[in-house]
PDB file of all heavy atoms in Angstrom:
ATOM      1  N   SER A   1     105.968  98.082 131.370  1.00  0.00           N
ATOM      2  CA  SER A   1     106.530  99.123 132.243  1.00  0.00           C
ATOM      3  C   SER A   1     107.825  99.699 131.697  1.00  0.00           C
ATOM      4  O   SER A   1     108.114 100.891 131.900  1.00  0.00           O
ATOM      5  CB  SER A   1     106.787  98.540 133.642  1.00  0.00           C
ATOM      6  OG  SER A   1     105.596  98.021 134.192  1.00  0.00           O
ATOM      7  N   LEU A   2     108.621  98.894 131.000  1.00  0.00           N
ATOM      8  CA  LEU A   2     109.946  99.327 130.574  1.00  0.00           C
ATOM      9  C   LEU A   2     110.041  99.547 129.065  1.00  0.00           C
ATOM     10  O   LEU A   2     110.235 100.661 128.602  1.00  0.00           O
ATOM     11  CB  LEU A   2     110.997  98.305 131.024  1.00  0.00           C
ATOM     12  CG  LEU A   2     111.078  98.053 132.540  1.00  0.00           C
ATOM     13  CD1 LEU A   2     112.074  96.945 132.841  1.00  0.00           C
ATOM     14  CD2 LEU A   2     111.466  99.333 133.273  1.00  0.00           C
ATOM     15  N   ILE A   3     109.883  98.478 128.283  1.00  0.00           N
ATOM     16  CA  ILE A   3     110.099  98.556 126.839  1.00  0.00           C
ATOM     17  C   ILE A   3     109.069  99.455 126.159  1.00  0.00           C
ATOM     18  O   ILE A   3     109.373 100.162 125.201  1.00  0.00           O
ATOM     19  CB  ILE A   3     110.060  97.145 126.209  1.00  0.00           C
ATOM     20  CG1 ILE A   3     111.044  96.216 126.934  1.00  0.00           C
ATOM     21  CG2 ILE A   3     110.390  97.215 124.724  1.00  0.00           C
ATOM     22  CD1 ILE A   3     112.469  96.682 126.908  1.00  0.00           C
ATOM     23  N   SER A   4     107.804  99.426 126.650  1.00  0.00           N
ATOM     24  CA  SER A   4     106.750 100.234 126.020  1.00  0.00           C
ATOM     25  C   SER A   4     106.658 101.633 126.596  1.00  0.00           C
ATOM     26  O   SER A   4     105.726 102.375 126.276  1.00  0.00           O
ATOM     27  CB  SER A   4     105.385  99.530 126.176  1.00  0.00           C
ATOM     28  OG  SER A   4     105.348  98.378 125.376  1.00  0.00           O
ATOM     29  N   SER A   5     107.588 102.015 127.430  1.00  0.00           N
ATOM     30  CA  SER A   5     107.568 103.349 128.030  1.00  0.00           C
ATOM     31  C   SER A   5     108.150 104.364 127.039  1.00  0.00           C
ATOM     32  O   SER A   5     108.857 103.997 126.097  1.00  0.00           O
ATOM     33  CB  SER A   5     108.383 103.355 129.328  1.00  0.00           C
ATOM     34  OG  SER A   5     109.744 103.098 129.052  1.00  0.00           O
ATOM     35  N   PRO A   6     107.871 105.655 127.242  1.00  0.00           N
ATOM     36  CA  PRO A   6     108.342 106.687 126.313  1.00  0.00           C
ATOM     37  C   PRO A   6     109.848 106.708 126.099  1.00  0.00           C
ATOM     38  O   PRO A   6     110.305 107.195 125.058  1.00  0.00           O
ATOM     39  CB  PRO A   6     107.868 107.989 126.983  1.00  0.00           C
ATOM     40  CG  PRO A   6     106.654 107.578 127.756  1.00  0.00           C
ATOM     41  CD  PRO A   6     106.964 106.199 128.264  1.00  0.00           C
ATOM     42  N   ARG A   7     110.622 106.182 127.035  1.00  0.00           N
ATOM     43  CA  ARG A   7     112.082 106.212 126.881  1.00  0.00           C
ATOM     44  C   ARG A   7     112.550 105.379 125.687  1.00  0.00           C
ATOM     45  O   ARG A   7     113.676 105.527 125.227  1.00  0.00           O
ATOM     46  CB  ARG A   7     112.748 105.729 128.166  1.00  0.00           C
ATOM     47  CG  ARG A   7     112.664 104.244 128.418  1.00  0.00           C
ATOM     48  CD  ARG A   7     113.169 103.865 129.789  1.00  0.00           C
ATOM     49  NE  ARG A   7     112.240 104.289 130.831  1.00  0.00           N
ATOM     50  CZ  ARG A   7     112.473 104.135 132.122  1.00  0.00           C
ATOM     51  NH1 ARG A   7     113.610 103.605 132.532  1.00  0.00           N
ATOM     52  NH2 ARG A   7     111.580 104.531 133.011  1.00  0.00           N
ATOM     53  N   PHE A   8     111.689 104.470 125.198  1.00  0.00           N
ATOM     54  CA  PHE A   8     112.047 103.639 124.056  1.00  0.00           C
ATOM     55  C   PHE A   8     111.253 104.012 122.798  1.00  0.00           C
ATOM     56  O   PHE A   8     111.285 103.279 121.822  1.00  0.00           O
ATOM     57  CB  PHE A   8     111.817 102.154 124.378  1.00  0.00           C
ATOM     58  CG  PHE A   8     112.802 101.598 125.369  1.00  0.00           C
ATOM     59  CD1 PHE A   8     112.425 101.376 126.682  1.00  0.00           C
ATOM     60  CD2 PHE A   8     114.099 101.314 124.986  1.00  0.00           C
ATOM     61  CE1 PHE A   8     113.330 100.862 127.601  1.00  0.00           C
ATOM     62  CE2 PHE A   8     115.013 100.791 125.891  1.00  0.00           C
ATOM     63  CZ  PHE A   8     114.634 100.574 127.204  1.00  0.00           C
ATOM     64  N   TYR A   9     110.528 105.128 122.823  1.00  0.00           N
ATOM     65  CA  TYR A   9     109.778 105.545 121.640  1.00  0.00           C
ATOM     66  C   TYR A   9     110.740 105.994 120.537  1.00  0.00           C
ATOM     67  O   TYR A   9     111.811 106.537 120.809  1.00  0.00           O
ATOM     68  CB  TYR A   9     108.849 106.719 121.960  1.00  0.00           C
ATOM     69  CG  TYR A   9     107.604 106.353 122.726  1.00  0.00           C
ATOM     70  CD1 TYR A   9     107.354 105.035 123.129  1.00  0.00           C
ATOM     71  CD2 TYR A   9     106.661 107.319 123.060  1.00  0.00           C
ATOM     72  CE1 TYR A   9     106.210 104.713 123.826  1.00  0.00           C
ATOM     73  CE2 TYR A   9     105.506 106.999 123.763  1.00  0.00           C
ATOM     74  CZ  TYR A   9     105.289 105.694 124.153  1.00  0.00           C
ATOM     75  OH  TYR A   9     104.153 105.374 124.852  1.00  0.00           O
ATOM     76  N   LYS A  10     110.316 105.768 119.306  1.00  0.00           N
ATOM     77  CA  LYS A  10     111.037 106.389 118.191  1.00  0.00           C
ATOM     78  C   LYS A  10     110.410 107.766 117.974  1.00  0.00           C
ATOM     79  O   LYS A  10     109.220 107.894 117.697  1.00  0.00           O
ATOM     80  CB  LYS A  10     110.919 105.561 116.910  1.00  0.00           C
ATOM     81  CG  LYS A  10     111.531 106.275 115.693  1.00  0.00           C
ATOM     82  CD  LYS A  10     111.481 105.421 114.448  1.00  0.00           C
ATOM     83  CE  LYS A  10     112.610 104.411 114.452  1.00  0.00           C
ATOM     84  NZ  LYS A  10     112.722 103.703 113.158  1.00  0.00           N
ATOM     85  N   ARG A  11     111.216 108.820 118.105  1.00  0.00           N
ATOM     86  CA  ARG A  11     110.730 110.191 117.995  1.00  0.00           C
ATOM     87  C   ARG A  11     110.974 110.686 116.568  1.00  0.00           C
ATOM     88  O   ARG A  11     112.105 110.697 116.092  1.00  0.00           O
ATOM     89  CB  ARG A  11     111.420 111.079 119.026  1.00  0.00           C
ATOM     90  CG  ARG A  11     111.158 110.607 120.465  1.00  0.00           C
ATOM     91  CD  ARG A  11     111.956 111.420 121.474  1.00  0.00           C
ATOM     92  NE  ARG A  11     111.585 112.817 121.468  1.00  0.00           N
ATOM     93  CZ  ARG A  11     110.527 113.318 122.115  1.00  0.00           C
ATOM     94  NH1 ARG A  11     109.737 112.516 122.809  1.00  0.00           N
ATOM     95  NH2 ARG A  11     110.256 114.600 122.076  1.00  0.00           N
ATOM     96  N   VAL A  12     109.881 111.085 115.904  1.00  0.00           N
ATOM     97  CA  VAL A  12     109.916 111.337 114.461  1.00  0.00           C
ATOM     98  C   VAL A  12     109.499 112.766 114.135  1.00  0.00           C
ATOM     99  O   VAL A  12     108.605 113.328 114.777  1.00  0.00           O
ATOM    100  CB  VAL A  12     108.973 110.341 113.738  1.00  0.00           C
ATOM    101  CG1 VAL A  12     108.998 110.580 112.232  1.00  0.00           C
ATOM    102  CG2 VAL A  12     109.367 108.911 114.060  1.00  0.00           C
ATOM    103  N   LEU A  13     110.156 113.324 113.144  1.00  0.00           N
ATOM    104  CA  LEU A  13     109.782 114.630 112.591  1.00  0.00           C
ATOM    105  C   LEU A  13     109.307 114.399 111.159  1.00  0.00           C
ATOM    106  O   LEU A  13     110.018 113.782 110.355  1.00  0.00           O
ATOM    107  CB  LEU A  13     110.971 115.589 112.605  1.00  0.00           C
ATOM    108  CG  LEU A  13     110.733 116.992 112.034  1.00  0.00           C
ATOM    109  CD1 LEU A  13     109.759 117.767 112.906  1.00  0.00           C
ATOM    110  CD2 LEU A  13     112.055 117.734 111.898  1.00  0.00           C
ATOM    111  N   VAL A  14     108.106 114.887 110.824  1.00  0.00           N
ATOM    112  CA  VAL A  14     107.543 114.707 109.487  1.00  0.00           C
ATOM    113  C   VAL A  14     107.736 115.978 108.673  1.00  0.00           C
ATOM    114  O   VAL A  14     107.436 117.078 109.144  1.00  0.00           O
ATOM    115  CB  VAL A  14     106.043 114.351 109.558  1.00  0.00           C
ATOM    116  CG1 VAL A  14     105.453 114.238 108.154  1.00  0.00           C
ATOM    117  CG2 VAL A  14     105.841 113.042 110.319  1.00  0.00           C
ATOM    118  N   VAL A  15     108.240 115.820 107.466  1.00  0.00           N
ATOM    119  CA  VAL A  15     108.409 116.928 106.532  1.00  0.00           C
ATOM    120  C   VAL A  15     107.451 116.695 105.384  1.00  0.00           C
ATOM    121  O   VAL A  15     107.522 115.670 104.697  1.00  0.00           O
ATOM    122  CB  VAL A  15     109.857 117.003 106.012  1.00  0.00           C
ATOM    123  CG1 VAL A  15     109.977 118.106 104.968  1.00  0.00           C
ATOM    124  CG2 VAL A  15     110.823 117.237 107.156  1.00  0.00           C
ATOM    125  N   GLY A  16     106.502 117.616 105.175  1.00  0.00           N
ATOM    126  CA  GLY A  16     105.512 117.414 104.125  1.00  0.00           C
ATOM    127  C   GLY A  16     105.100 118.702 103.468  1.00  0.00           C
ATOM    128  O   GLY A  16     105.272 119.781 104.025  1.00  0.00           O
ATOM    129  N   ASP A  17     104.512 118.592 102.275  1.00  0.00           N
ATOM    130  CA  ASP A  17     104.128 119.802 101.569  1.00  0.00           C
ATOM    131  C   ASP A  17     102.636 119.882 101.245  1.00  0.00           C
ATOM    132  O   ASP A  17     102.127 120.953 100.987  1.00  0.00           O
ATOM    133  CB  ASP A  17     104.934 119.964 100.268  1.00  0.00           C
ATOM    134  CG  ASP A  17     104.813 118.751  99.367  1.00  0.00           C
ATOM    135  OD1 ASP A  17     103.917 117.924  99.609  1.00  0.00           O
ATOM    136  OD2 ASP A  17     105.613 118.631  98.430  1.00  0.00           O
ATOM    137  N   SER A  18     101.934 118.762 101.252  1.00  0.00           N
ATOM    138  CA  SER A  18     100.510 118.865 100.938  1.00  0.00           C
ATOM    139  C   SER A  18      99.703 117.748 101.602  1.00  0.00           C
ATOM    140  O   SER A  18      98.603 117.449 101.184  1.00  0.00           O
ATOM    141  CB  SER A  18     100.298 118.794  99.420  1.00  0.00           C
ATOM    142  OG  SER A  18     100.774 117.575  98.905  1.00  0.00           O
ATOM    143  N   PHE A  19     100.285 117.133 102.608  1.00  0.00           N
ATOM    144  CA  PHE A  19      99.595 116.061 103.302  1.00  0.00           C
ATOM    145  C   PHE A  19      99.033 116.558 104.629  1.00  0.00           C
ATOM    146  O   PHE A  19      99.512 117.542 105.188  1.00  0.00           O
ATOM    147  CB  PHE A  19     100.566 114.903 103.582  1.00  0.00           C
ATOM    148  CG  PHE A  19     100.985 114.159 102.353  1.00  0.00           C
ATOM    149  CD1 PHE A  19     102.139 114.494 101.681  1.00  0.00           C
ATOM    150  CD2 PHE A  19     100.214 113.124 101.864  1.00  0.00           C
ATOM    151  CE1 PHE A  19     102.534 113.811 100.551  1.00  0.00           C
ATOM    152  CE2 PHE A  19     100.596 112.426 100.731  1.00  0.00           C
ATOM    153  CZ  PHE A  19     101.758 112.768 100.075  1.00  0.00           C
ATOM    154  N   ASP A  20      98.043 115.850 105.121  1.00  0.00           N
ATOM    155  CA  ASP A  20      97.497 116.155 106.435  1.00  0.00           C
ATOM    156  C   ASP A  20      98.391 115.482 107.470  1.00  0.00           C
ATOM    157  O   ASP A  20      98.309 114.275 107.695  1.00  0.00           O
ATOM    158  CB  ASP A  20      96.055 115.638 106.540  1.00  0.00           C
ATOM    159  CG  ASP A  20      95.367 116.137 107.805  1.00  0.00           C
ATOM    160  OD1 ASP A  20      96.072 116.380 108.802  1.00  0.00           O
ATOM    161  OD2 ASP A  20      94.131 116.268 107.795  1.00  0.00           O
ATOM    162  N   ILE A  21      99.269 116.250 108.097  1.00  0.00           N
ATOM    163  CA  ILE A  21     100.247 115.695 109.035  1.00  0.00           C
ATOM    164  C   ILE A  21      99.553 115.010 110.210  1.00  0.00           C
ATOM    165  O   ILE A  21     100.041 114.015 110.743  1.00  0.00           O
ATOM    166  CB  ILE A  21     101.179 116.814 109.560  1.00  0.00           C
ATOM    167  CG1 ILE A  21     101.759 117.621 108.396  1.00  0.00           C
ATOM    168  CG2 ILE A  21     102.283 116.226 110.392  1.00  0.00           C
ATOM    169  CD1 ILE A  21     102.610 116.826 107.447  1.00  0.00           C
ATOM    170  N   LYS A  22      98.432 115.555 110.602  1.00  0.00           N
ATOM    171  CA  LYS A  22      97.693 114.970 111.728  1.00  0.00           C
ATOM    172  C   LYS A  22      97.247 113.551 111.413  1.00  0.00           C
ATOM    173  O   LYS A  22      97.378 112.645 112.234  1.00  0.00           O
ATOM    174  CB  LYS A  22      96.478 115.842 112.063  1.00  0.00           C
ATOM    175  CG  LYS A  22      95.671 115.328 113.251  1.00  0.00           C
ATOM    176  CD  LYS A  22      94.485 116.242 113.533  1.00  0.00           C
ATOM    177  CE  LYS A  22      93.653 115.703 114.692  1.00  0.00           C
ATOM    178  NZ  LYS A  22      92.471 116.557 114.957  1.00  0.00           N
ATOM    179  N   LEU A  23      96.737 113.332 110.204  1.00  0.00           N
ATOM    180  CA  LEU A  23      96.312 111.992 109.805  1.00  0.00           C
ATOM    181  C   LEU A  23      97.499 111.042 109.708  1.00  0.00           C
ATOM    182  O   LEU A  23      97.404 109.868 110.060  1.00  0.00           O
ATOM    183  CB  LEU A  23      95.577 112.051 108.461  1.00  0.00           C
ATOM    184  CG  LEU A  23      94.191 112.682 108.476  1.00  0.00           C
ATOM    185  CD1 LEU A  23      93.595 112.689 107.070  1.00  0.00           C
ATOM    186  CD2 LEU A  23      93.269 111.932 109.433  1.00  0.00           C
ATOM    187  N   ILE A  24      98.634 111.554 109.221  1.00  0.00           N
ATOM    188  CA  ILE A  24      99.846 110.737 109.144  1.00  0.00           C
ATOM    189  C   ILE A  24     100.254 110.278 110.538  1.00  0.00           C
ATOM    190  O   ILE A  24     100.534 109.098 110.769  1.00  0.00           O
ATOM    191  CB  ILE A  24     101.000 111.534 108.490  1.00  0.00           C
ATOM    192  CG1 ILE A  24     100.703 111.776 107.011  1.00  0.00           C
ATOM    193  CG2 ILE A  24     102.325 110.810 108.654  1.00  0.00           C
ATOM    194  CD1 ILE A  24     101.724 112.634 106.312  1.00  0.00           C
ATOM    195  N   ALA A  25     100.278 111.230 111.480  1.00  0.00           N
ATOM    196  CA  ALA A  25     100.676 110.897 112.855  1.00  0.00           C
ATOM    197  C   ALA A  25      99.721 109.887 113.467  1.00  0.00           C
ATOM    198  O   ALA A  25     100.147 108.924 114.125  1.00  0.00           O
ATOM    199  CB  ALA A  25     100.722 112.167 113.701  1.00  0.00           C
ATOM    200  N   GLU A  26      98.426 110.074 113.278  1.00  0.00           N
ATOM    201  CA  GLU A  26      97.432 109.173 113.862  1.00  0.00           C
ATOM    202  C   GLU A  26      97.550 107.767 113.279  1.00  0.00           C
ATOM    203  O   GLU A  26      97.459 106.770 114.005  1.00  0.00           O
ATOM    204  CB  GLU A  26      96.027 109.723 113.630  1.00  0.00           C
ATOM    205  CG  GLU A  26      95.717 110.961 114.462  1.00  0.00           C
ATOM    206  CD  GLU A  26      94.345 111.539 114.142  1.00  0.00           C
ATOM    207  OE1 GLU A  26      93.739 111.112 113.136  1.00  0.00           O
ATOM    208  OE2 GLU A  26      93.898 112.425 114.894  1.00  0.00           O
ATOM    209  N   ALA A  27      97.762 107.674 111.958  1.00  0.00           N
ATOM    210  CA  ALA A  27      97.856 106.363 111.309  1.00  0.00           C
ATOM    211  C   ALA A  27      99.080 105.596 111.789  1.00  0.00           C
ATOM    212  O   ALA A  27      99.002 104.399 112.082  1.00  0.00           O
ATOM    213  CB  ALA A  27      97.908 106.535 109.790  1.00  0.00           C
ATOM    214  N   LEU A  28     100.214 106.285 111.909  1.00  0.00           N
ATOM    215  CA  LEU A  28     101.450 105.625 112.322  1.00  0.00           C
ATOM    216  C   LEU A  28     101.405 105.225 113.797  1.00  0.00           C
ATOM    217  O   LEU A  28     101.799 104.113 114.166  1.00  0.00           O
ATOM    218  CB  LEU A  28     102.653 106.535 112.056  1.00  0.00           C
ATOM    219  CG  LEU A  28     102.928 106.856 110.575  1.00  0.00           C
ATOM    220  CD1 LEU A  28     104.082 107.831 110.453  1.00  0.00           C
ATOM    221  CD2 LEU A  28     103.214 105.591 109.787  1.00  0.00           C
ATOM    222  N   GLN A  29     100.926 106.133 114.652  1.00  0.00           N
ATOM    223  CA  GLN A  29     100.901 105.847 116.086  1.00  0.00           C
ATOM    224  C   GLN A  29      99.827 104.821 116.449  1.00  0.00           C
ATOM    225  O   GLN A  29      99.960 104.092 117.431  1.00  0.00           O
ATOM    226  CB  GLN A  29     100.717 107.137 116.871  1.00  0.00           C
ATOM    227  CG  GLN A  29     101.949 108.034 116.798  1.00  0.00           C
ATOM    228  CD  GLN A  29     101.752 109.406 117.435  1.00  0.00           C
ATOM    229  OE1 GLN A  29     102.547 110.302 117.241  1.00  0.00           O
ATOM    230  NE2 GLN A  29     100.697 109.579 118.194  1.00  0.00           N
ATOM    231  N   LYS A  30      98.764 104.743 115.662  1.00  0.00           N
ATOM    232  CA  LYS A  30      97.733 103.730 115.901  1.00  0.00           C
ATOM    233  C   LYS A  30      98.280 102.342 115.618  1.00  0.00           C
ATOM    234  O   LYS A  30      97.988 101.384 116.345  1.00  0.00           O
ATOM    235  CB  LYS A  30      96.519 104.004 115.018  1.00  0.00           C
ATOM    236  CG  LYS A  30      95.395 102.988 115.196  1.00  0.00           C
ATOM    237  CD  LYS A  30      94.228 103.297 114.276  1.00  0.00           C
ATOM    238  CE  LYS A  30      93.136 102.237 114.413  1.00  0.00           C
ATOM    239  NZ  LYS A  30      91.999 102.508 113.487  1.00  0.00           N
ATOM    240  N   SER A  31      99.087 102.206 114.574  1.00  0.00           N
ATOM    241  CA  SER A  31      99.653 100.912 114.207  1.00  0.00           C
ATOM    242  C   SER A  31     100.820 100.520 115.097  1.00  0.00           C
ATOM    243  O   SER A  31     101.022  99.342 115.382  1.00  0.00           O
ATOM    244  CB  SER A  31     100.106 100.935 112.737  1.00  0.00           C
ATOM    245  OG  SER A  31      99.017 101.180 111.882  1.00  0.00           O
ATOM    246  N   ASP A  32     101.597 101.512 115.525  1.00  0.00           N
ATOM    247  CA  ASP A  32     102.750 101.243 116.392  1.00  0.00           C
ATOM    248  C   ASP A  32     102.755 102.260 117.529  1.00  0.00           C
ATOM    249  O   ASP A  32     103.160 103.404 117.342  1.00  0.00           O
ATOM    250  CB  ASP A  32     104.048 101.347 115.587  1.00  0.00           C
ATOM    251  CG  ASP A  32     105.272 101.027 116.430  1.00  0.00           C
ATOM    252  OD1 ASP A  32     105.115 100.678 117.620  1.00  0.00           O
ATOM    253  OD2 ASP A  32     106.392 101.115 115.902  1.00  0.00           O
ATOM    254  N   PRO A  33     102.308 101.845 118.732  1.00  0.00           N
ATOM    255  CA  PRO A  33     102.233 102.773 119.869  1.00  0.00           C
ATOM    256  C   PRO A  33     103.583 103.392 120.243  1.00  0.00           C
ATOM    257  O   PRO A  33     103.620 104.438 120.883  1.00  0.00           O
ATOM    258  CB  PRO A  33     101.706 101.889 121.011  1.00  0.00           C
ATOM    259  CG  PRO A  33     101.010 100.753 120.325  1.00  0.00           C
ATOM    260  CD  PRO A  33     101.797 100.510 119.079  1.00  0.00           C
ATOM    261  N   ASN A  34     104.680 102.742 119.857  1.00  0.00           N
ATOM    262  CA  ASN A  34     106.009 103.258 120.198  1.00  0.00           C
ATOM    263  C   ASN A  34     106.590 104.170 119.126  1.00  0.00           C
ATOM    264  O   ASN A  34     107.738 104.575 119.207  1.00  0.00           O
ATOM    265  CB  ASN A  34     106.976 102.095 120.435  1.00  0.00           C
ATOM    266  CG  ASN A  34     106.709 101.386 121.749  1.00  0.00           C
ATOM    267  OD1 ASN A  34     105.599 101.426 122.269  1.00  0.00           O
ATOM    268  ND2 ASN A  34     107.701 100.723 122.292  1.00  0.00           N
ATOM    269  N   TYR A  35     105.781 104.488 118.125  1.00  0.00           N
ATOM    270  CA  TYR A  35     106.219 105.379 117.053  1.00  0.00           C
ATOM    271  C   TYR A  35     105.583 106.737 117.319  1.00  0.00           C
ATOM    272  O   TYR A  35     104.395 106.933 117.107  1.00  0.00           O
ATOM    273  CB  TYR A  35     105.764 104.811 115.705  1.00  0.00           C
ATOM    274  CG  TYR A  35     106.484 105.384 114.509  1.00  0.00           C
ATOM    275  CD1 TYR A  35     107.605 104.741 113.986  1.00  0.00           C
ATOM    276  CD2 TYR A  35     106.049 106.544 113.900  1.00  0.00           C
ATOM    277  CE1 TYR A  35     108.266 105.248 112.888  1.00  0.00           C
ATOM    278  CE2 TYR A  35     106.704 107.062 112.798  1.00  0.00           C
ATOM    279  CZ  TYR A  35     107.812 106.406 112.299  1.00  0.00           C
ATOM    280  OH  TYR A  35     108.476 106.922 111.202  1.00  0.00           O
ATOM    281  N   PHE A  36     106.379 107.690 117.792  1.00  0.00           N
ATOM    282  CA  PHE A  36     105.850 108.960 118.278  1.00  0.00           C
ATOM    283  C   PHE A  36     106.240 110.098 117.346  1.00  0.00           C
ATOM    284  O   PHE A  36     107.425 110.427 117.190  1.00  0.00           O
ATOM    285  CB  PHE A  36     106.375 109.235 119.686  1.00  0.00           C
ATOM    286  CG  PHE A  36     105.851 110.503 120.294  1.00  0.00           C
ATOM    287  CD1 PHE A  36     104.500 110.641 120.593  1.00  0.00           C
ATOM    288  CD2 PHE A  36     106.696 111.563 120.562  1.00  0.00           C
ATOM    289  CE1 PHE A  36     104.008 111.818 121.148  1.00  0.00           C
ATOM    290  CE2 PHE A  36     106.224 112.732 121.120  1.00  0.00           C
ATOM    291  CZ  PHE A  36     104.870 112.866 121.406  1.00  0.00           C
ATOM    292  N   VAL A  37     105.243 110.693 116.703  1.00  0.00           N
ATOM    293  CA  VAL A  37     105.482 111.845 115.830  1.00  0.00           C
ATOM    294  C   VAL A  37     105.507 113.099 116.693  1.00  0.00           C
ATOM    295  O   VAL A  37     104.496 113.503 117.268  1.00  0.00           O
ATOM    296  CB  VAL A  37     104.390 111.963 114.747  1.00  0.00           C
ATOM    297  CG1 VAL A  37     104.639 113.203 113.888  1.00  0.00           C
ATOM    298  CG2 VAL A  37     104.368 110.711 113.873  1.00  0.00           C
ATOM    299  N   VAL A  38     106.683 113.713 116.791  1.00  0.00           N
ATOM    300  CA  VAL A  38     106.875 114.883 117.651  1.00  0.00           C
ATOM    301  C   VAL A  38     106.306 116.138 117.006  1.00  0.00           C
ATOM    302  O   VAL A  38     105.593 116.910 117.638  1.00  0.00           O
ATOM    303  CB  VAL A  38     108.370 115.083 117.969  1.00  0.00           C
ATOM    304  CG1 VAL A  38     108.578 116.351 118.797  1.00  0.00           C
ATOM    305  CG2 VAL A  38     108.914 113.869 118.710  1.00  0.00           C
ATOM    306  N   GLY A  39     106.612 116.334 115.737  1.00  0.00           N
ATOM    307  CA  GLY A  39     106.180 117.560 115.070  1.00  0.00           C
ATOM    308  C   GLY A  39     106.346 117.471 113.571  1.00  0.00           C
ATOM    309  O   GLY A  39     106.590 116.395 113.021  1.00  0.00           O
ATOM    310  N   TYR A  40     106.246 118.606 112.898  1.00  0.00           N
ATOM    311  CA  TYR A  40     106.246 118.615 111.442  1.00  0.00           C
ATOM    312  C   TYR A  40     106.820 119.918 110.923  1.00  0.00           C
ATOM    313  O   TYR A  40     106.876 120.936 111.621  1.00  0.00           O
ATOM    314  CB  TYR A  40     104.819 118.435 110.906  1.00  0.00           C
ATOM    315  CG  TYR A  40     103.921 119.611 111.227  1.00  0.00           C
ATOM    316  CD1 TYR A  40     103.703 120.623 110.299  1.00  0.00           C
ATOM    317  CD2 TYR A  40     103.323 119.727 112.476  1.00  0.00           C
ATOM    318  CE1 TYR A  40     102.904 121.717 110.597  1.00  0.00           C
ATOM    319  CE2 TYR A  40     102.523 120.807 112.781  1.00  0.00           C
ATOM    320  CZ  TYR A  40     102.313 121.793 111.844  1.00  0.00           C
ATOM    321  OH  TYR A  40     101.532 122.881 112.144  1.00  0.00           O
ATOM    322  N   ILE A  41     107.255 119.851 109.674  1.00  0.00           N
ATOM    323  CA  ILE A  41     107.637 121.043 108.924  1.00  0.00           C
ATOM    324  C   ILE A  41     106.776 121.067 107.672  1.00  0.00           C
ATOM    325  O   ILE A  41     106.841 120.148 106.844  1.00  0.00           O
ATOM    326  CB  ILE A  41     109.125 121.029 108.529  1.00  0.00           C
ATOM    327  CG1 ILE A  41     110.001 121.126 109.774  1.00  0.00           C
ATOM    328  CG2 ILE A  41     109.446 122.176 107.567  1.00  0.00           C
ATOM    329  CD1 ILE A  41     111.497 121.071 109.484  1.00  0.00           C
ATOM    330  N   ASN A  42     105.945 122.082 107.541  1.00  0.00           N
ATOM    331  CA  ASN A  42     105.074 122.207 106.377  1.00  0.00           C
ATOM    332  C   ASN A  42     105.801 123.016 105.304  1.00  0.00           C
ATOM    333  O   ASN A  42     106.069 124.202 105.479  1.00  0.00           O
ATOM    334  CB  ASN A  42     103.760 122.887 106.773  1.00  0.00           C
ATOM    335  CG  ASN A  42     102.820 123.039 105.601  1.00  0.00           C
ATOM    336  OD1 ASN A  42     102.955 122.361 104.592  1.00  0.00           O
ATOM    337  ND2 ASN A  42     101.855 123.940 105.745  1.00  0.00           N
ATOM    338  N   THR A  43     106.137 122.367 104.193  1.00  0.00           N
ATOM    339  CA  THR A  43     106.917 123.029 103.151  1.00  0.00           C
ATOM    340  C   THR A  43     106.055 123.699 102.090  1.00  0.00           C
ATOM    341  O   THR A  43     106.575 124.325 101.177  1.00  0.00           O
ATOM    342  CB  THR A  43     107.839 122.005 102.456  1.00  0.00           C
ATOM    343  OG1 THR A  43     107.036 120.983 101.852  1.00  0.00           O
ATOM    344  CG2 THR A  43     108.783 121.375 103.460  1.00  0.00           C
ATOM    345  N   ASP A  44     104.724 123.518 102.208  1.00  0.00           N
ATOM    346  CA  ASP A  44     103.820 124.142 101.248  1.00  0.00           C
ATOM    347  C   ASP A  44     103.096 125.291 101.950  1.00  0.00           C
ATOM    348  O   ASP A  44     102.161 125.083 102.709  1.00  0.00           O
ATOM    349  CB  ASP A  44     102.807 123.109 100.732  1.00  0.00           C
ATOM    350  CG  ASP A  44     101.953 123.673  99.601  1.00  0.00           C
ATOM    351  OD1 ASP A  44     102.084 124.880  99.308  1.00  0.00           O
ATOM    352  OD2 ASP A  44     101.167 122.912  99.022  1.00  0.00           O
TER     353      ASP A  44
END
């Protein structure tokens, strides 16, 4: 109820140039539910 709630998520911004950001977000959040990828900057 408390520690696993969104208030304790790590909010992340991904900067990439040729990677599939969606796959990166899914892989990280699947392994750690409290690791939340907010968005991305595509440099390519």
